[in-house]
Amino acid sequence: MSALFNFQSLLTVVLLLICTCAYVRSIFPSLVDRHKSGFLGTFWKCARIGERKSPYVAACCVIMALSLLFWS
């Protein structure tokens, strides 16, 4: 089943995208900061969410991991 039709899979993909963008921006900031608008601006926005809301993103990652381990 596609991740677009399964809500739990969609949340997993979104969390992985946010965490990956924040990590890539911490390693290569110029790569993400180059494009702040358009389609590639989505990655910049995800990196900003990952940096500014990191405690909430981390809590969501832990909750998602526990739900995947014990309830799937």
PDB file of N, CA and C in Angstrom:
ATOM      1  N   MET A   1       0.840  -1.170   0.000  1.00  0.00           N
ATOM      2  CA  MET A   1       0.000   0.000   0.000  1.00  0.00           C
ATOM      3  C   MET A   1       0.894   1.245   0.000  1.00  0.00           C
ATOM      4  N   SER A   2       0.472   2.262  -0.682  1.00  0.00           N
ATOM      5  CA  SER A   2       1.221   3.500  -0.776  1.00  0.00           C
ATOM      6  C   SER A   2       1.169   4.261   0.545  1.00  0.00           C
ATOM      7  N   ALA A   3       2.223   5.030   0.816  1.00  0.00           N
ATOM      8  CA  ALA A   3       2.272   5.807   2.051  1.00  0.00           C
ATOM      9  C   ALA A   3       1.255   6.942   2.045  1.00  0.00           C
ATOM     10  N   LEU A   4       0.730   7.288   0.885  1.00  0.00           N
ATOM     11  CA  LEU A   4      -0.254   8.362   0.820  1.00  0.00           C
ATOM     12  C   LEU A   4      -1.614   7.932   1.354  1.00  0.00           C
ATOM     13  N   PHE A   5      -1.898   6.639   1.301  1.00  0.00           N
ATOM     14  CA  PHE A   5      -3.213   6.153   1.704  1.00  0.00           C
ATOM     15  C   PHE A   5      -3.232   5.568   3.109  1.00  0.00           C
ATOM     16  N   ASN A   6      -2.078   5.375   3.688  1.00  0.00           N
ATOM     17  CA  ASN A   6      -1.976   4.845   5.041  1.00  0.00           C
ATOM     18  C   ASN A   6      -1.457   5.964   5.944  1.00  0.00           C
ATOM     19  N   PHE A   7      -2.248   6.390   6.925  1.00  0.00           N
ATOM     20  CA  PHE A   7      -1.903   7.554   7.737  1.00  0.00           C
ATOM     21  C   PHE A   7      -0.626   7.342   8.537  1.00  0.00           C
ATOM     22  N   GLN A   8      -0.435   6.159   9.086  1.00  0.00           N
ATOM     23  CA  GLN A   8       0.760   5.888   9.881  1.00  0.00           C
ATOM     24  C   GLN A   8       2.004   5.934   9.009  1.00  0.00           C
ATOM     25  N   SER A   9       1.917   5.412   7.808  1.00  0.00           N
ATOM     26  CA  SER A   9       3.055   5.466   6.896  1.00  0.00           C
ATOM     27  C   SER A   9       3.339   6.893   6.442  1.00  0.00           C
ATOM     28  N   LEU A  10       2.303   7.672   6.234  1.00  0.00           N
ATOM     29  CA  LEU A  10       2.480   9.070   5.859  1.00  0.00           C
ATOM     30  C   LEU A  10       3.189   9.842   6.959  1.00  0.00           C
ATOM     31  N   LEU A  11       2.805   9.618   8.210  1.00  0.00           N
ATOM     32  CA  LEU A  11       3.474  10.279   9.329  1.00  0.00           C
ATOM     33  C   LEU A  11       4.934   9.851   9.434  1.00  0.00           C
ATOM     34  N   THR A  12       5.216   8.594   9.188  1.00  0.00           N
ATOM     35  CA  THR A  12       6.587   8.108   9.216  1.00  0.00           C
ATOM     36  C   THR A  12       7.421   8.786   8.139  1.00  0.00           C
ATOM     37  N   VAL A  13       6.884   8.906   6.947  1.00  0.00           N
ATOM     38  CA  VAL A  13       7.603   9.546   5.844  1.00  0.00           C
ATOM     39  C   VAL A  13       7.855  11.022   6.157  1.00  0.00           C
ATOM     40  N   VAL A  14       6.876  11.711   6.707  1.00  0.00           N
ATOM     41  CA  VAL A  14       7.037  13.127   7.037  1.00  0.00           C
ATOM     42  C   VAL A  14       8.090  13.309   8.128  1.00  0.00           C
ATOM     43  N   LEU A  15       8.057  12.481   9.152  1.00  0.00           N
ATOM     44  CA  LEU A  15       9.066  12.577  10.211  1.00  0.00           C
ATOM     45  C   LEU A  15      10.461  12.280   9.686  1.00  0.00           C
ATOM     46  N   LEU A  16      10.585  11.278   8.829  1.00  0.00           N
ATOM     47  CA  LEU A  16      11.894  10.975   8.250  1.00  0.00           C
ATOM     48  C   LEU A  16      12.387  12.114   7.371  1.00  0.00           C
ATOM     49  N   LEU A  17      11.486  12.756   6.632  1.00  0.00           N
ATOM     50  CA  LEU A  17      11.867  13.891   5.797  1.00  0.00           C
ATOM     51  C   LEU A  17      12.358  15.051   6.655  1.00  0.00           C
ATOM     52  N   ILE A  18      11.659  15.362   7.731  1.00  0.00           N
ATOM     53  CA  ILE A  18      12.063  16.459   8.616  1.00  0.00           C
ATOM     54  C   ILE A  18      13.419  16.160   9.250  1.00  0.00           C
ATOM     55  N   CYS A  19      13.598  14.965   9.759  1.00  0.00           N
ATOM     56  CA  CYS A  19      14.866  14.608  10.413  1.00  0.00           C
ATOM     57  C   CYS A  19      16.023  14.588   9.421  1.00  0.00           C
ATOM     58  N   THR A  20      15.787  14.072   8.224  1.00  0.00           N
ATOM     59  CA  THR A  20      16.840  14.013   7.218  1.00  0.00           C
ATOM     60  C   THR A  20      17.242  15.400   6.755  1.00  0.00           C
ATOM     61  N   CYS A  21      16.277  16.275   6.531  1.00  0.00           N
ATOM     62  CA  CYS A  21      16.595  17.640   6.091  1.00  0.00           C
ATOM     63  C   CYS A  21      17.365  18.398   7.163  1.00  0.00           C
ATOM     64  N   ALA A  22      16.980  18.242   8.425  1.00  0.00           N
ATOM     65  CA  ALA A  22      17.693  18.914   9.510  1.00  0.00           C
ATOM     66  C   ALA A  22      19.122  18.387   9.628  1.00  0.00           C
ATOM     67  N   TYR A  23      19.307  17.088   9.436  1.00  0.00           N
ATOM     68  CA  TYR A  23      20.651  16.502   9.509  1.00  0.00           C
ATOM     69  C   TYR A  23      21.518  16.969   8.350  1.00  0.00           C
ATOM     70  N   VAL A  24      20.966  16.965   7.144  1.00  0.00           N
ATOM     71  CA  VAL A  24      21.737  17.403   5.973  1.00  0.00           C
ATOM     72  C   VAL A  24      22.102  18.877   6.113  1.00  0.00           C
ATOM     73  N   ARG A  25      21.194  19.688   6.642  1.00  0.00           N
ATOM     74  CA  ARG A  25      21.500  21.112   6.825  1.00  0.00           C
ATOM     75  C   ARG A  25      22.586  21.319   7.869  1.00  0.00           C
ATOM     76  N   SER A  26      22.656  20.456   8.879  1.00  0.00           N
ATOM     77  CA  SER A  26      23.717  20.604   9.875  1.00  0.00           C
ATOM     78  C   SER A  26      25.081  20.228   9.313  1.00  0.00           C
ATOM     79  N   ILE A  27      25.110  19.315   8.353  1.00  0.00           N
ATOM     80  CA  ILE A  27      26.372  18.888   7.753  1.00  0.00           C
ATOM     81  C   ILE A  27      26.766  19.798   6.591  1.00  0.00           C
ATOM     82  N   PHE A  28      25.823  20.067   5.677  1.00  0.00           N
ATOM     83  CA  PHE A  28      26.061  20.894   4.501  1.00  0.00           C
ATOM     84  C   PHE A  28      25.041  22.037   4.452  1.00  0.00           C
ATOM     85  N   PRO A  29      25.254  23.113   5.209  1.00  0.00           N
ATOM     86  CA  PRO A  29      24.239  24.176   5.266  1.00  0.00           C
ATOM     87  C   PRO A  29      24.014  24.870   3.922  1.00  0.00           C
ATOM     88  N   SER A  30      25.040  25.012   3.121  1.00  0.00           N
ATOM     89  CA  SER A  30      24.874  25.725   1.848  1.00  0.00           C
ATOM     90  C   SER A  30      24.023  24.931   0.858  1.00  0.00           C
ATOM     91  N   LEU A  31      23.990  23.638   1.005  1.00  0.00           N
ATOM     92  CA  LEU A  31      23.200  22.799   0.104  1.00  0.00           C
ATOM     93  C   LEU A  31      21.707  23.048   0.276  1.00  0.00           C
ATOM     94  N   VAL A  32      21.263  23.207   1.499  1.00  0.00           N
ATOM     95  CA  VAL A  32      19.841  23.407   1.783  1.00  0.00           C
ATOM     96  C   VAL A  32      19.461  24.887   1.706  1.00  0.00           C
ATOM     97  N   ASP A  33      20.363  25.762   2.124  1.00  0.00           N
ATOM     98  CA  ASP A  33      20.047  27.189   2.182  1.00  0.00           C
ATOM     99  C   ASP A  33      20.009  27.855   0.814  1.00  0.00           C
ATOM    100  N   ARG A  34      20.495  27.181  -0.204  1.00  0.00           N
ATOM    101  CA  ARG A  34      20.505  27.754  -1.545  1.00  0.00           C
ATOM    102  C   ARG A  34      19.109  27.992  -2.095  1.00  0.00           C
ATOM    103  N   HIS A  35      18.202  27.079  -1.828  1.00  0.00           N
ATOM    104  CA  HIS A  35      16.846  27.138  -2.380  1.00  0.00           C
ATOM    105  C   HIS A  35      15.849  27.362  -1.241  1.00  0.00           C
ATOM    106  N   LYS A  36      15.330  28.569  -1.158  1.00  0.00           N
ATOM    107  CA  LYS A  36      14.374  28.870  -0.095  1.00  0.00           C
ATOM    108  C   LYS A  36      12.959  29.047  -0.622  1.00  0.00           C
ATOM    109  N   SER A  37      12.773  28.892  -1.918  1.00  0.00           N
ATOM    110  CA  SER A  37      11.430  28.994  -2.487  1.00  0.00           C
ATOM    111  C   SER A  37      11.277  27.929  -3.560  1.00  0.00           C
ATOM    112  N   GLY A  38      10.041  27.708  -3.953  1.00  0.00           N
ATOM    113  CA  GLY A  38       9.767  26.687  -4.958  1.00  0.00           C
ATOM    114  C   GLY A  38       9.689  25.305  -4.343  1.00  0.00           C
ATOM    115  N   PHE A  39       9.825  24.299  -5.201  1.00  0.00           N
ATOM    116  CA  PHE A  39       9.733  22.915  -4.735  1.00  0.00           C
ATOM    117  C   PHE A  39      10.869  22.566  -3.793  1.00  0.00           C
ATOM    118  N   LEU A  40      12.099  22.990  -4.101  1.00  0.00           N
ATOM    119  CA  LEU A  40      13.232  22.675  -3.233  1.00  0.00           C
ATOM    120  C   LEU A  40      13.186  23.458  -1.924  1.00  0.00           C
ATOM    121  N   GLY A  41      12.369  24.498  -1.861  1.00  0.00           N
ATOM    122  CA  GLY A  41      12.173  25.224  -0.618  1.00  0.00           C
ATOM    123  C   GLY A  41      11.478  24.390   0.444  1.00  0.00           C
ATOM    124  N   THR A  42      10.796  23.345   0.009  1.00  0.00           N
ATOM    125  CA  THR A  42      10.150  22.426   0.954  1.00  0.00           C
ATOM    126  C   THR A  42      11.198  21.777   1.864  1.00  0.00           C
ATOM    127  N   PHE A  43      12.346  21.440   1.300  1.00  0.00           N
ATOM    128  CA  PHE A  43      13.403  20.821   2.103  1.00  0.00           C
ATOM    129  C   PHE A  43      13.978  21.822   3.106  1.00  0.00           C
ATOM    130  N   TRP A  44      14.085  23.092   2.699  1.00  0.00           N
ATOM    131  CA  TRP A  44      14.559  24.137   3.611  1.00  0.00           C
ATOM    132  C   TRP A  44      13.557  24.312   4.758  1.00  0.00           C
ATOM    133  N   LYS A  45      12.258  24.294   4.430  1.00  0.00           N
ATOM    134  CA  LYS A  45      11.222  24.443   5.456  1.00  0.00           C
ATOM    135  C   LYS A  45      11.222  23.252   6.411  1.00  0.00           C
ATOM    136  N   CYS A  46      11.420  22.070   5.885  1.00  0.00           N
ATOM    137  CA  CYS A  46      11.493  20.880   6.742  1.00  0.00           C
ATOM    138  C   CYS A  46      12.712  20.949   7.661  1.00  0.00           C
ATOM    139  N   ALA A  47      13.821  21.470   7.148  1.00  0.00           N
ATOM    140  CA  ALA A  47      15.016  21.624   7.980  1.00  0.00           C
ATOM    141  C   ALA A  47      14.780  22.632   9.087  1.00  0.00           C
ATOM    142  N   ARG A  48      14.066  23.710   8.790  1.00  0.00           N
ATOM    143  CA  ARG A  48      13.756  24.716   9.809  1.00  0.00           C
ATOM    144  C   ARG A  48      12.846  24.135  10.885  1.00  0.00           C
ATOM    145  N   ILE A  49      11.861  23.347  10.474  1.00  0.00           N
ATOM    146  CA  ILE A  49      10.975  22.698  11.446  1.00  0.00           C
ATOM    147  C   ILE A  49      11.777  21.759  12.326  1.00  0.00           C
ATOM    148  N   GLY A  50      12.680  21.001  11.723  1.00  0.00           N
ATOM    149  CA  GLY A  50      13.506  20.064  12.486  1.00  0.00           C
ATOM    150  C   GLY A  50      14.425  20.751  13.469  1.00  0.00           C
ATOM    151  N   GLU A  51      14.912  21.939  13.113  1.00  0.00           N
ATOM    152  CA  GLU A  51      15.805  22.665  14.016  1.00  0.00           C
ATOM    153  C   GLU A  51      15.042  23.355  15.140  1.00  0.00           C
ATOM    154  N   ARG A  52      13.965  24.017  14.812  1.00  0.00           N
ATOM    155  CA  ARG A  52      13.262  24.838  15.800  1.00  0.00           C
ATOM    156  C   ARG A  52      12.346  24.026  16.702  1.00  0.00           C
ATOM    157  N   LYS A  53      11.758  22.981  16.191  1.00  0.00           N
ATOM    158  CA  LYS A  53      10.831  22.162  16.965  1.00  0.00           C
ATOM    159  C   LYS A  53      11.442  20.813  17.316  1.00  0.00           C
ATOM    160  N   SER A  54      12.749  20.767  17.535  1.00  0.00           N
ATOM    161  CA  SER A  54      13.429  19.492  17.719  1.00  0.00           C
ATOM    162  C   SER A  54      12.926  18.671  18.908  1.00  0.00           C
ATOM    163  N   PRO A  55      12.555  19.246  20.054  1.00  0.00           N
ATOM    164  CA  PRO A  55      12.021  18.389  21.119  1.00  0.00           C
ATOM    165  C   PRO A  55      10.705  17.722  20.724  1.00  0.00           C
ATOM    166  N   TYR A  56       9.859  18.458  20.009  1.00  0.00           N
ATOM    167  CA  TYR A  56       8.580  17.893  19.578  1.00  0.00           C
ATOM    168  C   TYR A  56       8.789  16.844  18.488  1.00  0.00           C
ATOM    169  N   VAL A  57       9.717  17.109  17.572  1.00  0.00           N
ATOM    170  CA  VAL A  57      10.015  16.143  16.513  1.00  0.00           C
ATOM    171  C   VAL A  57      10.614  14.878  17.123  1.00  0.00           C
ATOM    172  N   ALA A  58      11.506  15.044  18.101  1.00  0.00           N
ATOM    173  CA  ALA A  58      12.102  13.885  18.762  1.00  0.00           C
ATOM    174  C   ALA A  58      11.046  13.066  19.502  1.00  0.00           C
ATOM    175  N   ALA A  59      10.129  13.744  20.171  1.00  0.00           N
ATOM    176  CA  ALA A  59       9.055  13.029  20.872  1.00  0.00           C
ATOM    177  C   ALA A  59       8.168  12.282  19.883  1.00  0.00           C
ATOM    178  N   CYS A  60       7.873  12.905  18.754  1.00  0.00           N
ATOM    179  CA  CYS A  60       7.070  12.234  17.722  1.00  0.00           C
ATOM    180  C   CYS A  60       7.803  11.031  17.153  1.00  0.00           C
ATOM    181  N   CYS A  61       9.120  11.143  16.991  1.00  0.00           N
ATOM    182  CA  CYS A  61       9.898  10.005  16.490  1.00  0.00           C
ATOM    183  C   CYS A  61       9.878   8.835  17.476  1.00  0.00           C
ATOM    184  N   VAL A  62       9.989   9.141  18.767  1.00  0.00           N
ATOM    185  CA  VAL A  62       9.944   8.086  19.784  1.00  0.00           C
ATOM    186  C   VAL A  62       8.565   7.438  19.822  1.00  0.00           C
ATOM    187  N   ILE A  63       7.526   8.241  19.771  1.00  0.00           N
ATOM    188  CA  ILE A  63       6.167   7.698  19.775  1.00  0.00           C
ATOM    189  C   ILE A  63       5.920   6.848  18.530  1.00  0.00           C
ATOM    190  N   MET A  64       6.390   7.328  17.376  1.00  0.00           N
ATOM    191  CA  MET A  64       6.213   6.563  16.138  1.00  0.00           C
ATOM    192  C   MET A  64       6.993   5.252  16.194  1.00  0.00           C
ATOM    193  N   ALA A  65       8.198   5.288  16.754  1.00  0.00           N
ATOM    194  CA  ALA A  65       8.988   4.058  16.862  1.00  0.00           C
ATOM    195  C   ALA A  65       8.305   3.048  17.776  1.00  0.00           C
ATOM    196  N   LEU A  66       7.787   3.529  18.903  1.00  0.00           N
ATOM    197  CA  LEU A  66       7.092   2.619  19.820  1.00  0.00           C
ATOM    198  C   LEU A  66       5.825   2.050  19.189  1.00  0.00           C
ATOM    199  N   SER A  67       5.115   2.884  18.461  1.00  0.00           N
ATOM    200  CA  SER A  67       3.897   2.381  17.824  1.00  0.00           C
ATOM    201  C   SER A  67       4.219   1.373  16.726  1.00  0.00           C
ATOM    202  N   LEU A  68       5.311   1.575  16.018  1.00  0.00           N
ATOM    203  CA  LEU A  68       5.685   0.618  14.978  1.00  0.00           C
ATOM    204  C   LEU A  68       6.188  -0.688  15.582  1.00  0.00           C
ATOM    205  N   LEU A  69       6.846  -0.598  16.733  1.00  0.00           N
ATOM    206  CA  LEU A  69       7.371  -1.813  17.368  1.00  0.00           C
ATOM    207  C   LEU A  69       6.280  -2.646  18.034  1.00  0.00           C
ATOM    208  N   PHE A  70       5.351  -1.989  18.703  1.00  0.00           N
ATOM    209  CA  PHE A  70       4.417  -2.719  19.536  1.00  0.00           C
ATOM    210  C   PHE A  70       2.991  -2.840  18.996  1.00  0.00           C
ATOM    211  N   TRP A  71       2.595  -1.950  18.090  1.00  0.00           N
ATOM    212  CA  TRP A  71       1.198  -1.979  17.648  1.00  0.00           C
ATOM    213  C   TRP A  71       1.014  -2.267  16.178  1.00  0.00           C
ATOM    214  N   SER A  72       2.062  -2.564  15.464  1.00  0.00           N
ATOM    215  CA  SER A  72       1.895  -2.881  14.027  1.00  0.00           C
ATOM    216  C   SER A  72       1.962  -4.361  13.784  1.00  0.00           C
TER     217      SER A  72
END
